[in-house]
């Protein structure tokens, strides 16, 4: 298994929120990253393949962090809207 199914794009910035992984869900990206980690930990890749895999892993991690941060911001906004509506009787905790 190699991570060649996703190639780097020169026109995409290195920060999250780009379109490189737009067609992937958070779970798909997380699974892909886990596979890359397993490959790298296996020490069976040639140096070029390992470097390519590592670079892809870093891009995936950045995008995952970006999406998680975006989701956290959305929850914060929604919680603020509930507070502004004066709904004190509803348990809004996520635990």
Protein backbone atom coordinates (compact mmCIF):
# COMPACT_ATOMS: atom_id res chain seq x y z
CA UNK A 1 0.00 0.00 0.00
CA UNK A 2 1.40 3.37 -0.97
CA UNK A 3 -0.02 6.86 -0.43
CA UNK A 4 0.16 7.70 -4.13
CA UNK A 5 -3.60 8.07 -4.45
CA UNK A 6 -3.30 11.71 -3.35
CA UNK A 7 -0.69 13.80 -5.10
CA UNK A 8 0.52 17.19 -3.86
CA UNK A 9 -0.83 20.22 -5.67
CA UNK A 10 1.42 23.21 -6.20
CA UNK A 11 -1.53 25.61 -6.33
CA UNK A 12 -2.78 24.67 -2.85
CA UNK A 13 -1.53 26.55 0.22
CA UNK A 14 -0.01 24.55 3.07
CA UNK A 15 -2.60 25.69 5.62
CA UNK A 16 -5.85 23.83 6.17
CA UNK A 17 -9.10 24.58 4.43
CA UNK A 18 -7.82 23.99 0.92
CA UNK A 19 -9.42 21.85 -1.77
CA UNK A 20 -6.78 19.12 -1.88
CA UNK A 21 -8.87 16.92 0.42
CA UNK A 22 -12.30 18.42 -0.35
CA UNK A 23 -13.70 15.09 -1.53
CA UNK A 24 -12.65 13.26 1.66
CA UNK A 25 -14.54 13.05 4.93
CA UNK A 26 -12.84 13.62 8.28
CA UNK A 27 -12.98 9.86 8.92
CA UNK A 28 -11.48 9.00 5.52
CA UNK A 29 -8.64 11.45 6.11
CA UNK A 30 -8.04 10.10 9.60
CA UNK A 31 -7.94 6.53 8.29
CA UNK A 32 -5.56 7.57 5.52
CA UNK A 33 -3.26 9.22 8.07
CA UNK A 34 -3.32 6.11 10.25
CA UNK A 35 -2.32 4.01 7.23
CA UNK A 36 0.57 6.34 6.49
CA UNK A 37 1.77 6.13 10.09
CA UNK A 38 1.68 2.33 9.92
CA UNK A 39 3.65 2.39 6.67
CA UNK A 40 6.29 4.68 8.12
CA UNK A 41 6.55 2.70 11.34
CA UNK A 42 7.06 -0.48 9.29
CA UNK A 43 10.42 0.82 8.01
CA UNK A 44 9.86 -0.98 4.69
CA UNK A 45 9.66 2.04 2.38
CA UNK A 46 12.45 3.42 0.28
CA UNK A 47 13.59 6.86 1.44
CA UNK A 48 11.78 8.65 -1.40
CA UNK A 49 8.52 6.84 -0.65
CA UNK A 50 8.91 7.51 3.05
CA UNK A 51 9.48 11.22 2.45
CA UNK A 52 6.47 11.43 0.12
CA UNK A 53 4.34 9.57 2.69
CA UNK A 54 5.52 11.84 5.49
CA UNK A 55 4.72 14.98 3.45
CA UNK A 56 1.24 13.64 2.69
CA UNK A 57 0.76 12.82 6.36
CA UNK A 58 1.68 16.36 7.37
CA UNK A 59 -0.83 17.79 4.87
CA UNK A 60 -3.53 15.44 6.10
CA UNK A 61 -2.80 16.36 9.71
CA UNK A 62 -3.00 20.07 8.91
CA UNK A 63 -6.35 19.61 7.21
CA UNK A 64 -7.68 17.47 10.06
CA UNK A 65 -6.62 20.12 12.58
CA UNK A 66 -8.23 22.84 10.46
CA UNK A 67 -11.52 20.95 10.20
CA UNK A 68 -11.54 20.16 13.91
CA UNK A 69 -10.88 23.79 14.75
CA UNK A 70 -13.68 24.87 12.40
CA UNK A 71 -16.09 22.44 14.03
CA UNK A 72 -15.11 23.71 17.49
CA UNK A 73 -15.75 27.29 16.36
CA UNK A 74 -19.17 26.31 15.02
CA UNK A 75 -20.07 24.67 18.34
CA UNK A 76 -18.91 27.79 20.20
CA UNK A 77 -21.10 29.99 17.98
CA UNK A 78 -24.09 27.70 18.46
CA UNK A 79 -23.57 27.64 22.22
CA UNK A 80 -23.42 31.44 22.21
CA UNK A 81 -26.68 31.60 20.27
CA UNK A 82 -28.33 29.37 22.85
CA UNK A 83 -27.02 31.56 25.66
CA UNK A 84 -28.34 34.68 23.93
CA UNK A 85 -31.76 33.11 23.58
CA UNK A 86 -31.85 32.66 27.34
CA UNK A 87 -32.30 28.92 27.26
CA UNK A 88 -30.93 27.99 30.66
CA UNK A 89 -32.90 24.82 31.27
CA UNK A 90 -31.31 22.80 28.45
CA UNK A 91 -28.19 20.75 29.14
CA UNK A 92 -25.86 21.68 26.26
CA UNK A 93 -22.80 19.79 27.50
CA UNK A 94 -21.26 17.33 25.11
CA UNK A 95 -20.40 14.78 27.79
